[in-house]
Amino acid sequence: MLHVGLTGGIACGKSTIAKMLEAKGAYLFDLDVLTHFVEEPDRVAWKGIVEHFGPGILNEDRTINRARLGAIVFADRDQLEQLNRIVHPAVYDEWYRLVKEIYRKDPRAVVLSDVPLLIEQDLKSVFDVIAVVYISPDEQVERLIFRNRFNREEAETRVASQMSIDEKVRHADIVINNQGSVEDAQKTIDVLWQKLLEMEKQKHRKSPVPVGRGKA
């Protein structure tokens, strides 16, 4: 199994690239989706959140009111860190469980995990390969203006609030240039998929037995 960590900056088109690789045959995990899963009523992260923040952050159907919770944590860094301490372990445990399940079912799989904060959270050691979707900072701003209807100042603020894409590229094993058209991106993915399959073959020849918590 080859475990690929996919990351990038805001408006880089990471989700589009991930879906293209999934269509090729990769098993795709979106950690944002897994976060919502572990925060569903009565799941482990939900219980921790309600215990710490109180039932006032719930909707009538017992789901978490993200606006109320966000108003608390984004106004207080300590509360945000506490939320992360509750949620992240639950997400990672579910993630590792699912990756191992795939290994048992398909030990020659290419697994793709879409992790927005992969570099920031120092998760590089979990993966065999780090792939960064790249567009220039100027293009990030332009796409945010078009996609989110931000004014230029808002878009520039959003881009500046994240780790720079150039810094993320320095941690990459593979850089996916996504500045062109969708058709250009598809051609890039066609080539990249063959490269990932070859990397999986090489890894399997060297170490057919899974090693470590996150790698398989």
N, C-alpha and C. Protein backbone atom coordinates (compact mmCIF):
# COMPACT_ATOMS: atom_id res chain seq x y z
N MET A 1 0.84 -1.19 0.00
CA MET A 1 0.00 0.00 0.00
C MET A 1 0.88 1.25 0.00
N LEU A 2 0.46 2.24 -0.79
CA LEU A 2 1.13 3.53 -0.80
C LEU A 2 0.18 4.56 -0.20
N HIS A 3 0.62 5.25 0.84
CA HIS A 3 -0.22 6.24 1.50
C HIS A 3 0.28 7.64 1.14
N VAL A 4 -0.55 8.37 0.40
CA VAL A 4 -0.19 9.70 -0.11
C VAL A 4 -0.93 10.76 0.69
N GLY A 5 -0.20 11.72 1.23
CA GLY A 5 -0.80 12.86 1.89
C GLY A 5 -0.91 14.01 0.91
N LEU A 6 -2.13 14.51 0.72
CA LEU A 6 -2.39 15.60 -0.23
C LEU A 6 -2.73 16.86 0.53
N THR A 7 -2.04 17.94 0.20
CA THR A 7 -2.32 19.21 0.85
C THR A 7 -2.10 20.34 -0.14
N GLY A 8 -2.32 21.56 0.32
CA GLY A 8 -2.19 22.73 -0.53
C GLY A 8 -2.70 23.94 0.22
N GLY A 9 -2.84 25.05 -0.47
CA GLY A 9 -3.36 26.26 0.14
C GLY A 9 -4.80 26.50 -0.25
N ILE A 10 -5.38 27.53 0.31
CA ILE A 10 -6.75 27.89 0.02
C ILE A 10 -6.90 28.20 -1.47
N ALA A 11 -7.98 27.68 -2.06
CA ALA A 11 -8.34 27.94 -3.47
C ALA A 11 -7.36 27.34 -4.46
N CYS A 12 -6.56 26.36 -4.05
CA CYS A 12 -5.60 25.73 -4.96
C CYS A 12 -6.23 24.65 -5.84
N GLY A 13 -7.46 24.27 -5.53
CA GLY A 13 -8.11 23.22 -6.31
C GLY A 13 -7.78 21.83 -5.82
N LYS A 14 -7.44 21.73 -4.54
CA LYS A 14 -7.03 20.44 -3.97
C LYS A 14 -8.15 19.40 -4.06
N SER A 15 -9.37 19.82 -3.80
CA SER A 15 -10.49 18.87 -3.84
C SER A 15 -10.70 18.33 -5.26
N THR A 16 -10.53 19.17 -6.25
CA THR A 16 -10.66 18.73 -7.64
C THR A 16 -9.59 17.70 -7.98
N ILE A 17 -8.36 17.98 -7.58
CA ILE A 17 -7.27 17.04 -7.82
C ILE A 17 -7.53 15.71 -7.10
N ALA A 18 -8.01 15.79 -5.87
CA ALA A 18 -8.30 14.58 -5.10
C ALA A 18 -9.36 13.73 -5.81
N LYS A 19 -10.40 14.37 -6.32
CA LYS A 19 -11.46 13.63 -7.01
C LYS A 19 -10.94 12.99 -8.30
N MET A 20 -10.04 13.67 -8.98
CA MET A 20 -9.45 13.09 -10.19
C MET A 20 -8.66 11.84 -9.86
N LEU A 21 -7.90 11.89 -8.77
CA LEU A 21 -7.12 10.72 -8.37
C LEU A 21 -8.03 9.59 -7.88
N GLU A 22 -9.11 9.96 -7.21
CA GLU A 22 -10.08 8.94 -6.80
C GLU A 22 -10.68 8.24 -8.02
N ALA A 23 -10.97 9.02 -9.06
CA ALA A 23 -11.53 8.43 -10.28
C ALA A 23 -10.54 7.47 -10.94
N LYS A 24 -9.26 7.70 -10.73
CA LYS A 24 -8.24 6.80 -11.28
C LYS A 24 -8.16 5.48 -10.51
N GLY A 25 -8.63 5.51 -9.26
CA GLY A 25 -8.59 4.28 -8.47
C GLY A 25 -8.05 4.44 -7.07
N ALA A 26 -7.66 5.65 -6.69
CA ALA A 26 -7.17 5.87 -5.33
C ALA A 26 -8.33 5.79 -4.34
N TYR A 27 -8.03 5.31 -3.14
CA TYR A 27 -8.98 5.38 -2.03
C TYR A 27 -8.80 6.76 -1.39
N LEU A 28 -9.88 7.52 -1.29
CA LEU A 28 -9.78 8.91 -0.85
C LEU A 28 -10.38 9.09 0.53
N PHE A 29 -9.59 9.73 1.42
CA PHE A 29 -10.09 10.16 2.72
C PHE A 29 -9.96 11.68 2.80
N ASP A 30 -11.06 12.33 3.14
CA ASP A 30 -11.08 13.78 3.36
C ASP A 30 -11.18 14.00 4.86
N LEU A 31 -10.15 14.55 5.48
CA LEU A 31 -10.17 14.69 6.93
C LEU A 31 -11.20 15.69 7.42
N ASP A 32 -11.60 16.63 6.57
CA ASP A 32 -12.71 17.51 6.95
C ASP A 32 -14.00 16.71 7.09
N VAL A 33 -14.21 15.76 6.18
CA VAL A 33 -15.40 14.90 6.25
C VAL A 33 -15.34 14.02 7.49
N LEU A 34 -14.17 13.46 7.78
CA LEU A 34 -14.02 12.63 8.97
C LEU A 34 -14.25 13.44 10.25
N THR A 35 -13.86 14.71 10.23
CA THR A 35 -14.10 15.57 11.39
C THR A 35 -15.60 15.69 11.66
N HIS A 36 -16.37 15.93 10.61
CA HIS A 36 -17.82 16.02 10.78
C HIS A 36 -18.39 14.70 11.28
N PHE A 37 -17.82 13.59 10.81
CA PHE A 37 -18.31 12.27 11.21
C PHE A 37 -18.13 12.06 12.72
N VAL A 38 -16.93 12.34 13.25
CA VAL A 38 -16.69 12.07 14.67
C VAL A 38 -17.41 13.07 15.57
N GLU A 39 -17.93 14.15 14.97
CA GLU A 39 -18.68 15.14 15.74
C GLU A 39 -20.19 14.93 15.66
N GLU A 40 -20.63 13.83 15.04
CA GLU A 40 -22.05 13.53 15.01
C GLU A 40 -22.53 13.15 16.41
N PRO A 41 -23.82 13.35 16.70
CA PRO A 41 -24.34 13.09 18.06
C PRO A 41 -23.96 11.72 18.60
N ASP A 42 -23.46 11.75 19.83
CA ASP A 42 -23.10 10.57 20.62
C ASP A 42 -21.80 9.90 20.20
N ARG A 43 -21.14 10.42 19.17
CA ARG A 43 -19.81 9.90 18.85
C ARG A 43 -18.79 10.52 19.80
N VAL A 44 -17.58 9.99 19.78
CA VAL A 44 -16.62 10.31 20.83
C VAL A 44 -16.28 11.80 20.89
N ALA A 45 -16.03 12.45 19.75
CA ALA A 45 -15.68 13.86 19.78
C ALA A 45 -16.88 14.71 20.21
N TRP A 46 -18.06 14.33 19.76
CA TRP A 46 -19.28 15.05 20.17
C TRP A 46 -19.41 15.05 21.68
N LYS A 47 -19.19 13.90 22.29
CA LYS A 47 -19.31 13.80 23.75
C LYS A 47 -18.30 14.71 24.44
N GLY A 48 -17.07 14.72 23.93
CA GLY A 48 -16.04 15.57 24.52
C GLY A 48 -16.35 17.05 24.37
N ILE A 49 -16.88 17.42 23.21
CA ILE A 49 -17.21 18.82 22.95
C ILE A 49 -18.35 19.28 23.87
N VAL A 50 -19.38 18.47 24.00
CA VAL A 50 -20.52 18.85 24.85
C VAL A 50 -20.10 18.89 26.31
N GLU A 51 -19.26 17.96 26.71
CA GLU A 51 -18.80 17.95 28.10
C GLU A 51 -18.01 19.21 28.43
N HIS A 52 -17.19 19.66 27.49
CA HIS A 52 -16.35 20.83 27.76
C HIS A 52 -17.09 22.15 27.55
N PHE A 53 -17.83 22.26 26.45
CA PHE A 53 -18.44 23.54 26.09
C PHE A 53 -19.89 23.68 26.56
N GLY A 54 -20.48 22.57 26.98
CA GLY A 54 -21.85 22.62 27.48
C GLY A 54 -22.88 22.39 26.40
N PRO A 55 -24.11 22.03 26.80
CA PRO A 55 -25.17 21.73 25.83
C PRO A 55 -25.68 22.95 25.08
N GLY A 56 -25.27 24.13 25.48
CA GLY A 56 -25.71 25.34 24.79
C GLY A 56 -25.19 25.47 23.38
N ILE A 57 -24.19 24.64 23.01
CA ILE A 57 -23.65 24.72 21.64
C ILE A 57 -24.37 23.75 20.70
N LEU A 58 -25.47 23.13 21.19
CA LEU A 58 -26.20 22.17 20.37
C LEU A 58 -27.45 22.78 19.74
N ASN A 59 -27.79 22.27 18.56
CA ASN A 59 -29.08 22.57 17.94
C ASN A 59 -30.16 21.70 18.60
N GLU A 60 -31.40 21.93 18.22
CA GLU A 60 -32.50 21.16 18.79
C GLU A 60 -32.39 19.67 18.47
N ASP A 61 -31.79 19.33 17.33
CA ASP A 61 -31.64 17.92 16.96
C ASP A 61 -30.36 17.29 17.53
N ARG A 62 -29.69 18.02 18.44
CA ARG A 62 -28.49 17.56 19.15
C ARG A 62 -27.22 17.60 18.30
N THR A 63 -27.31 18.09 17.08
CA THR A 63 -26.09 18.32 16.30
C THR A 63 -25.42 19.59 16.83
N ILE A 64 -24.13 19.68 16.55
CA ILE A 64 -23.37 20.84 17.02
C ILE A 64 -23.69 22.06 16.17
N ASN A 65 -23.99 23.16 16.83
CA ASN A 65 -24.20 24.43 16.14
C ASN A 65 -22.82 25.04 15.91
N ARG A 66 -22.34 24.93 14.70
CA ARG A 66 -20.96 25.33 14.41
C ARG A 66 -20.75 26.83 14.53
N ALA A 67 -21.79 27.60 14.28
CA ALA A 67 -21.67 29.05 14.43
C ALA A 67 -21.46 29.41 15.90
N ARG A 68 -22.22 28.79 16.80
CA ARG A 68 -22.07 29.07 18.23
C ARG A 68 -20.71 28.61 18.74
N LEU A 69 -20.33 27.40 18.33
CA LEU A 69 -19.03 26.89 18.76
C LEU A 69 -17.90 27.74 18.20
N GLY A 70 -18.03 28.13 16.94
CA GLY A 70 -17.01 28.97 16.32
C GLY A 70 -16.86 30.31 17.01
N ALA A 71 -17.98 30.90 17.45
CA ALA A 71 -17.93 32.19 18.14
C ALA A 71 -17.13 32.08 19.43
N ILE A 72 -17.17 30.90 20.06
CA ILE A 72 -16.42 30.69 21.30
C ILE A 72 -14.94 30.50 21.01
N VAL A 73 -14.63 29.57 20.11
CA VAL A 73 -13.23 29.16 19.95
C VAL A 73 -12.40 30.17 19.18
N PHE A 74 -13.03 30.91 18.26
CA PHE A 74 -12.23 31.85 17.49
C PHE A 74 -12.04 33.18 18.21
N ALA A 75 -12.71 33.31 19.36
CA ALA A 75 -12.49 34.49 20.20
C ALA A 75 -11.52 34.19 21.35
N ASP A 76 -11.12 32.94 21.48
CA ASP A 76 -10.27 32.53 22.61
C ASP A 76 -9.35 31.41 22.16
N ARG A 77 -8.07 31.71 22.00
CA ARG A 77 -7.12 30.72 21.48
C ARG A 77 -7.05 29.47 22.36
N ASP A 78 -7.15 29.67 23.68
CA ASP A 78 -7.10 28.52 24.58
C ASP A 78 -8.27 27.57 24.33
N GLN A 79 -9.44 28.14 24.07
CA GLN A 79 -10.61 27.31 23.80
C GLN A 79 -10.46 26.59 22.46
N LEU A 80 -9.86 27.26 21.49
CA LEU A 80 -9.63 26.62 20.19
C LEU A 80 -8.66 25.44 20.36
N GLU A 81 -7.62 25.63 21.14
CA GLU A 81 -6.67 24.55 21.37
C GLU A 81 -7.32 23.39 22.11
N GLN A 82 -8.23 23.71 23.04
CA GLN A 82 -8.94 22.65 23.74
C GLN A 82 -9.84 21.87 22.78
N LEU A 83 -10.51 22.59 21.89
CA LEU A 83 -11.34 21.91 20.89
C LEU A 83 -10.50 20.98 20.04
N ASN A 84 -9.33 21.45 19.62
CA ASN A 84 -8.44 20.60 18.81
C ASN A 84 -7.99 19.37 19.58
N ARG A 85 -7.74 19.53 20.88
CA ARG A 85 -7.32 18.38 21.69
C ARG A 85 -8.43 17.34 21.81
N ILE A 86 -9.67 17.79 21.72
CA ILE A 86 -10.80 16.86 21.76
C ILE A 86 -11.00 16.17 20.41
N VAL A 87 -10.96 16.96 19.34
CA VAL A 87 -11.37 16.47 18.02
C VAL A 87 -10.27 15.70 17.30
N HIS A 88 -9.05 16.23 17.31
CA HIS A 88 -8.00 15.62 16.49
C HIS A 88 -7.72 14.16 16.82
N PRO A 89 -7.59 13.77 18.09
CA PRO A 89 -7.36 12.34 18.35
C PRO A 89 -8.47 11.44 17.83
N ALA A 90 -9.71 11.91 17.94
CA ALA A 90 -10.84 11.11 17.45
C ALA A 90 -10.79 10.97 15.94
N VAL A 91 -10.45 12.05 15.26
CA VAL A 91 -10.34 12.01 13.80
C VAL A 91 -9.22 11.06 13.38
N TYR A 92 -8.06 11.18 14.02
CA TYR A 92 -6.91 10.36 13.63
C TYR A 92 -7.17 8.89 13.92
N ASP A 93 -7.81 8.59 15.05
CA ASP A 93 -8.12 7.18 15.35
C ASP A 93 -9.03 6.58 14.30
N GLU A 94 -10.05 7.33 13.88
CA GLU A 94 -10.97 6.84 12.85
C GLU A 94 -10.25 6.70 11.51
N TRP A 95 -9.42 7.65 11.22
CA TRP A 95 -8.64 7.64 9.98
C TRP A 95 -7.72 6.42 9.92
N TYR A 96 -6.94 6.19 10.98
CA TYR A 96 -6.04 5.04 10.99
C TYR A 96 -6.83 3.74 10.89
N ARG A 97 -7.97 3.67 11.55
CA ARG A 97 -8.78 2.46 11.49
C ARG A 97 -9.21 2.18 10.06
N LEU A 98 -9.64 3.20 9.35
CA LEU A 98 -10.11 3.03 7.98
C LEU A 98 -8.97 2.67 7.03
N VAL A 99 -7.79 3.27 7.24
CA VAL A 99 -6.64 2.94 6.39
C VAL A 99 -6.26 1.48 6.57
N LYS A 100 -6.23 1.02 7.81
CA LYS A 100 -5.89 -0.38 8.07
C LYS A 100 -6.94 -1.32 7.48
N GLU A 101 -8.19 -0.90 7.50
CA GLU A 101 -9.27 -1.70 6.91
C GLU A 101 -9.05 -1.87 5.41
N ILE A 102 -8.63 -0.80 4.75
CA ILE A 102 -8.34 -0.87 3.32
C ILE A 102 -7.15 -1.80 3.08
N TYR A 103 -6.13 -1.71 3.92
CA TYR A 103 -4.97 -2.58 3.74
C TYR A 103 -5.37 -4.05 3.78
N ARG A 104 -6.25 -4.39 4.72
CA ARG A 104 -6.69 -5.79 4.82
C ARG A 104 -7.46 -6.21 3.58
N LYS A 105 -8.21 -5.29 3.00
CA LYS A 105 -9.03 -5.59 1.83
C LYS A 105 -8.22 -5.53 0.54
N ASP A 106 -7.29 -4.57 0.46
CA ASP A 106 -6.56 -4.32 -0.78
C ASP A 106 -5.13 -3.88 -0.44
N PRO A 107 -4.24 -4.82 -0.14
CA PRO A 107 -2.90 -4.46 0.31
C PRO A 107 -2.05 -3.75 -0.73
N ARG A 108 -2.50 -3.69 -1.97
CA ARG A 108 -1.75 -2.98 -3.02
C ARG A 108 -2.41 -1.65 -3.37
N ALA A 109 -3.21 -1.14 -2.48
CA ALA A 109 -3.96 0.09 -2.76
C ALA A 109 -3.06 1.32 -2.75
N VAL A 110 -3.53 2.34 -3.46
CA VAL A 110 -3.00 3.70 -3.31
C VAL A 110 -4.05 4.47 -2.52
N VAL A 111 -3.67 4.89 -1.31
CA VAL A 111 -4.58 5.62 -0.43
C VAL A 111 -4.20 7.09 -0.45
N LEU A 112 -5.18 7.95 -0.64
CA LEU A 112 -4.97 9.39 -0.72
C LEU A 112 -5.73 10.05 0.42
N SER A 113 -5.00 10.75 1.28
CA SER A 113 -5.63 11.46 2.39
C SER A 113 -5.50 12.96 2.17
N ASP A 114 -6.66 13.61 2.06
CA ASP A 114 -6.73 15.06 1.84
C ASP A 114 -6.68 15.73 3.21
N VAL A 115 -5.53 16.34 3.52
CA VAL A 115 -5.29 16.90 4.86
C VAL A 115 -4.89 18.37 4.71
N PRO A 116 -5.82 19.30 4.92
CA PRO A 116 -5.50 20.72 4.72
C PRO A 116 -4.30 21.21 5.54
N LEU A 117 -4.17 20.74 6.79
CA LEU A 117 -3.11 21.22 7.69
C LEU A 117 -2.02 20.17 7.90
N LEU A 118 -1.75 19.41 6.88
CA LEU A 118 -0.78 18.32 6.98
C LEU A 118 0.58 18.82 7.47
N ILE A 119 1.09 19.87 6.87
CA ILE A 119 2.40 20.39 7.24
C ILE A 119 2.34 21.07 8.60
N GLU A 120 1.30 21.88 8.80
CA GLU A 120 1.17 22.64 10.04
C GLU A 120 1.06 21.73 11.26
N GLN A 121 0.42 20.58 11.10
CA GLN A 121 0.24 19.66 12.21
C GLN A 121 1.32 18.58 12.27
N ASP A 122 2.36 18.74 11.46
CA ASP A 122 3.52 17.86 11.48
C ASP A 122 3.14 16.39 11.32
N LEU A 123 2.37 16.13 10.26
CA LEU A 123 1.90 14.76 9.99
C LEU A 123 2.69 14.08 8.87
N LYS A 124 3.80 14.65 8.48
CA LYS A 124 4.54 14.11 7.34
C LYS A 124 4.96 12.66 7.56
N SER A 125 5.31 12.31 8.79
CA SER A 125 5.82 10.96 9.04
C SER A 125 4.75 9.89 8.86
N VAL A 126 3.48 10.29 8.80
CA VAL A 126 2.39 9.33 8.62
C VAL A 126 2.38 8.76 7.20
N PHE A 127 2.93 9.52 6.25
CA PHE A 127 2.76 9.21 4.83
C PHE A 127 4.03 8.70 4.18
N ASP A 128 3.83 7.98 3.09
CA ASP A 128 4.94 7.58 2.24
C ASP A 128 5.35 8.72 1.30
N VAL A 129 4.36 9.49 0.87
CA VAL A 129 4.57 10.55 -0.12
C VAL A 129 3.75 11.77 0.27
N ILE A 130 4.34 12.95 0.17
CA ILE A 130 3.62 14.21 0.39
C ILE A 130 3.46 14.90 -0.96
N ALA A 131 2.20 15.16 -1.35
CA ALA A 131 1.90 15.85 -2.61
C ALA A 131 1.25 17.19 -2.29
N VAL A 132 1.76 18.24 -2.86
CA VAL A 132 1.23 19.59 -2.64
C VAL A 132 0.66 20.12 -3.95
N VAL A 133 -0.59 20.56 -3.89
CA VAL A 133 -1.23 21.20 -5.05
C VAL A 133 -0.82 22.67 -5.04
N TYR A 134 -0.25 23.11 -6.14
CA TYR A 134 0.33 24.45 -6.20
C TYR A 134 -0.37 25.36 -7.20
N ILE A 135 -0.70 26.56 -6.74
CA ILE A 135 -0.91 27.71 -7.61
C ILE A 135 -0.22 28.88 -6.94
N SER A 136 0.09 29.91 -7.66
CA SER A 136 0.81 31.04 -7.09
C SER A 136 -0.09 31.80 -6.11
N PRO A 137 0.50 32.51 -5.14
CA PRO A 137 -0.31 33.32 -4.23
C PRO A 137 -1.22 34.32 -4.95
N ASP A 138 -0.72 34.91 -6.02
CA ASP A 138 -1.56 35.86 -6.78
C ASP A 138 -2.77 35.15 -7.37
N GLU A 139 -2.56 33.91 -7.85
CA GLU A 139 -3.67 33.15 -8.41
C GLU A 139 -4.64 32.73 -7.31
N GLN A 140 -4.13 32.42 -6.12
CA GLN A 140 -5.01 32.12 -4.99
C GLN A 140 -5.96 33.29 -4.73
N VAL A 141 -5.42 34.48 -4.72
CA VAL A 141 -6.24 35.68 -4.49
C VAL A 141 -7.29 35.83 -5.58
N GLU A 142 -6.90 35.67 -6.83
CA GLU A 142 -7.84 35.84 -7.93
C GLU A 142 -8.96 34.80 -7.86
N ARG A 143 -8.61 33.56 -7.53
CA ARG A 143 -9.64 32.52 -7.45
C ARG A 143 -10.59 32.77 -6.28
N LEU A 144 -10.07 33.27 -5.16
CA LEU A 144 -10.95 33.58 -4.03
C LEU A 144 -11.92 34.70 -4.37
N ILE A 145 -11.43 35.68 -5.09
CA ILE A 145 -12.30 36.78 -5.51
C ILE A 145 -13.42 36.25 -6.40
N PHE A 146 -13.07 35.37 -7.31
CA PHE A 146 -14.06 34.82 -8.24
C PHE A 146 -14.99 33.82 -7.55
N ARG A 147 -14.40 32.90 -6.76
CA ARG A 147 -15.18 31.80 -6.17
C ARG A 147 -16.02 32.24 -4.99
N ASN A 148 -15.44 33.04 -4.11
CA ASN A 148 -16.11 33.40 -2.86
C ASN A 148 -16.69 34.80 -2.85
N ARG A 149 -16.48 35.52 -3.96
CA ARG A 149 -16.97 36.89 -4.06
C ARG A 149 -16.36 37.80 -3.00
N PHE A 150 -15.12 37.48 -2.60
CA PHE A 150 -14.40 38.35 -1.68
C PHE A 150 -13.92 39.59 -2.42
N ASN A 151 -13.76 40.70 -1.69
CA ASN A 151 -13.02 41.80 -2.31
C ASN A 151 -11.53 41.47 -2.20
N ARG A 152 -10.68 42.26 -2.84
CA ARG A 152 -9.26 41.91 -2.90
C ARG A 152 -8.63 41.88 -1.51
N GLU A 153 -8.98 42.82 -0.67
CA GLU A 153 -8.41 42.85 0.68
C GLU A 153 -8.78 41.60 1.48
N GLU A 154 -10.04 41.20 1.38
CA GLU A 154 -10.48 39.99 2.09
C GLU A 154 -9.72 38.76 1.58
N ALA A 155 -9.58 38.68 0.27
CA ALA A 155 -8.90 37.52 -0.31
C ALA A 155 -7.43 37.49 0.10
N GLU A 156 -6.78 38.62 0.06
CA GLU A 156 -5.37 38.69 0.45
C GLU A 156 -5.19 38.35 1.92
N THR A 157 -6.14 38.76 2.76
CA THR A 157 -6.08 38.45 4.19
C THR A 157 -6.20 36.95 4.42
N ARG A 158 -7.12 36.31 3.70
CA ARG A 158 -7.29 34.86 3.84
C ARG A 158 -6.01 34.12 3.44
N VAL A 159 -5.44 34.50 2.33
CA VAL A 159 -4.22 33.84 1.86
C VAL A 159 -3.08 34.07 2.85
N ALA A 160 -2.96 35.29 3.35
CA ALA A 160 -1.86 35.62 4.27
C ALA A 160 -2.01 34.94 5.62
N SER A 161 -3.24 34.54 5.98
CA SER A 161 -3.48 33.92 7.29
C SER A 161 -2.99 32.47 7.34
N GLN A 162 -2.69 31.88 6.19
CA GLN A 162 -2.25 30.48 6.12
C GLN A 162 -0.74 30.40 5.92
N MET A 163 -0.20 29.22 6.20
CA MET A 163 1.18 28.96 5.80
C MET A 163 1.28 29.17 4.29
N SER A 164 2.33 29.82 3.85
CA SER A 164 2.44 30.13 2.43
C SER A 164 2.57 28.86 1.60
N ILE A 165 2.04 28.92 0.40
CA ILE A 165 2.12 27.76 -0.50
C ILE A 165 3.57 27.44 -0.84
N ASP A 166 4.42 28.47 -0.91
CA ASP A 166 5.83 28.24 -1.21
C ASP A 166 6.50 27.46 -0.07
N GLU A 167 6.10 27.73 1.17
CA GLU A 167 6.64 26.98 2.31
C GLU A 167 6.18 25.52 2.24
N LYS A 168 4.91 25.31 1.88
CA LYS A 168 4.42 23.93 1.78
C LYS A 168 5.16 23.16 0.69
N VAL A 169 5.45 23.82 -0.40
CA VAL A 169 6.17 23.17 -1.50
C VAL A 169 7.53 22.64 -1.03
N ARG A 170 8.15 23.34 -0.09
CA ARG A 170 9.47 22.90 0.40
C ARG A 170 9.40 21.55 1.12
N HIS A 171 8.20 21.16 1.55
CA HIS A 171 8.03 19.88 2.24
C HIS A 171 7.54 18.78 1.30
N ALA A 172 7.34 19.10 0.03
CA ALA A 172 6.67 18.17 -0.89
C ALA A 172 7.64 17.18 -1.53
N ASP A 173 7.14 15.97 -1.71
CA ASP A 173 7.82 15.00 -2.58
C ASP A 173 7.35 15.17 -4.02
N ILE A 174 6.08 15.56 -4.17
CA ILE A 174 5.49 15.78 -5.49
C ILE A 174 4.75 17.12 -5.46
N VAL A 175 4.98 17.94 -6.46
CA VAL A 175 4.25 19.21 -6.60
C VAL A 175 3.34 19.10 -7.80
N ILE A 176 2.05 19.33 -7.58
CA ILE A 176 1.05 19.26 -8.65
C ILE A 176 0.69 20.68 -9.04
N ASN A 177 1.19 21.13 -10.20
CA ASN A 177 0.91 22.48 -10.66
C ASN A 177 -0.51 22.54 -11.22
N ASN A 178 -1.34 23.34 -10.59
CA ASN A 178 -2.76 23.40 -10.95
C ASN A 178 -3.16 24.79 -11.43
N GLN A 179 -2.23 25.48 -12.06
CA GLN A 179 -2.52 26.85 -12.49
C GLN A 179 -3.24 26.91 -13.84
N GLY A 180 -3.28 25.79 -14.55
CA GLY A 180 -3.90 25.81 -15.87
C GLY A 180 -5.37 25.44 -15.83
N SER A 181 -5.86 24.91 -16.94
CA SER A 181 -7.26 24.53 -17.09
C SER A 181 -7.52 23.18 -16.43
N VAL A 182 -8.80 22.82 -16.36
CA VAL A 182 -9.18 21.50 -15.85
C VAL A 182 -8.58 20.41 -16.74
N GLU A 183 -8.56 20.67 -18.04
CA GLU A 183 -7.98 19.70 -18.97
C GLU A 183 -6.49 19.51 -18.70
N ASP A 184 -5.80 20.62 -18.43
CA ASP A 184 -4.37 20.53 -18.09
C ASP A 184 -4.17 19.71 -16.82
N ALA A 185 -5.04 19.95 -15.83
CA ALA A 185 -4.95 19.20 -14.57
C ALA A 185 -5.16 17.71 -14.80
N GLN A 186 -6.11 17.37 -15.66
CA GLN A 186 -6.37 15.95 -15.93
C GLN A 186 -5.16 15.28 -16.57
N LYS A 187 -4.49 15.98 -17.49
CA LYS A 187 -3.29 15.42 -18.10
C LYS A 187 -2.20 15.19 -17.06
N THR A 188 -2.08 16.14 -16.13
CA THR A 188 -1.10 16.00 -15.06
C THR A 188 -1.41 14.78 -14.19
N ILE A 189 -2.68 14.59 -13.88
CA ILE A 189 -3.09 13.47 -13.03
C ILE A 189 -2.91 12.14 -13.76
N ASP A 190 -3.15 12.11 -15.06
CA ASP A 190 -2.92 10.87 -15.83
C ASP A 190 -1.48 10.40 -15.68
N VAL A 191 -0.55 11.34 -15.75
CA VAL A 191 0.88 11.00 -15.61
C VAL A 191 1.19 10.65 -14.16
N LEU A 192 0.66 11.46 -13.23
CA LEU A 192 0.94 11.24 -11.82
C LEU A 192 0.44 9.89 -11.33
N TRP A 193 -0.72 9.46 -11.82
CA TRP A 193 -1.28 8.19 -11.36
C TRP A 193 -0.35 7.03 -11.70
N GLN A 194 0.21 7.05 -12.89
CA GLN A 194 1.15 5.99 -13.27
C GLN A 194 2.39 6.03 -12.38
N LYS A 195 2.82 7.22 -12.03
CA LYS A 195 3.97 7.36 -11.13
C LYS A 195 3.66 6.79 -9.75
N LEU A 196 2.46 7.05 -9.24
CA LEU A 196 2.08 6.54 -7.92
C LEU A 196 1.98 5.01 -7.93
N LEU A 197 1.45 4.46 -9.01
CA LEU A 197 1.39 3.00 -9.11
C LEU A 197 2.79 2.39 -9.10
N GLU A 198 3.71 3.03 -9.78
CA GLU A 198 5.08 2.53 -9.80
C GLU A 198 5.72 2.66 -8.41
N MET A 199 5.43 3.75 -7.72
CA MET A 199 5.97 3.93 -6.37
C MET A 199 5.42 2.87 -5.42
N GLU A 200 4.16 2.51 -5.59
CA GLU A 200 3.56 1.47 -4.76
C GLU A 200 4.25 0.14 -5.02
N LYS A 201 4.53 -0.16 -6.29
CA LYS A 201 5.23 -1.41 -6.63
C LYS A 201 6.60 -1.46 -5.97
N GLN A 202 7.32 -0.35 -6.04
CA GLN A 202 8.66 -0.30 -5.46
C GLN A 202 8.60 -0.48 -3.95
N LYS A 203 7.63 0.16 -3.30
CA LYS A 203 7.48 0.02 -1.86
C LYS A 203 7.13 -1.42 -1.49
N HIS A 204 6.25 -2.03 -2.26
CA HIS A 204 5.83 -3.40 -1.96
C HIS A 204 6.99 -4.37 -2.08
N ARG A 205 7.84 -4.15 -3.05
CA ARG A 205 9.00 -5.04 -3.21
C ARG A 205 9.95 -4.92 -2.03
N LYS A 206 10.08 -3.69 -1.50
CA LYS A 206 11.02 -3.46 -0.40
C LYS A 206 10.44 -3.88 0.95
N SER A 207 9.13 -3.63 1.15
CA SER A 207 8.54 -3.88 2.47
C SER A 207 7.08 -4.26 2.31
N PRO A 208 6.79 -5.52 2.02
CA PRO A 208 5.41 -5.95 1.81
C PRO A 208 4.58 -5.97 3.08
N VAL A 209 5.23 -5.87 4.25
CA VAL A 209 4.51 -5.90 5.53
C VAL A 209 4.32 -4.47 6.02
N PRO A 210 3.11 -4.07 6.47
CA PRO A 210 2.87 -2.71 6.93
C PRO A 210 3.73 -2.36 8.13
N VAL A 211 4.18 -1.09 8.18
CA VAL A 211 5.04 -0.62 9.27
C VAL A 211 4.43 0.65 9.83
N GLY A 212 4.37 0.76 11.17
CA GLY A 212 3.97 2.00 11.81
C GLY A 212 2.46 2.16 11.88
N ARG A 213 2.06 3.17 12.65
CA ARG A 213 0.65 3.38 12.91
C ARG A 213 -0.09 3.83 11.65
N GLY A 214 0.49 4.82 10.96
CA GLY A 214 -0.23 5.38 9.82
C GLY A 214 0.14 4.78 8.49
N LYS A 215 1.35 4.22 8.40
CA LYS A 215 1.79 3.69 7.10
C LYS A 215 1.39 2.24 6.96
N ALA A 216 1.19 1.82 5.70
CA ALA A 216 0.87 0.42 5.45
C ALA A 216 1.60 -0.01 4.19
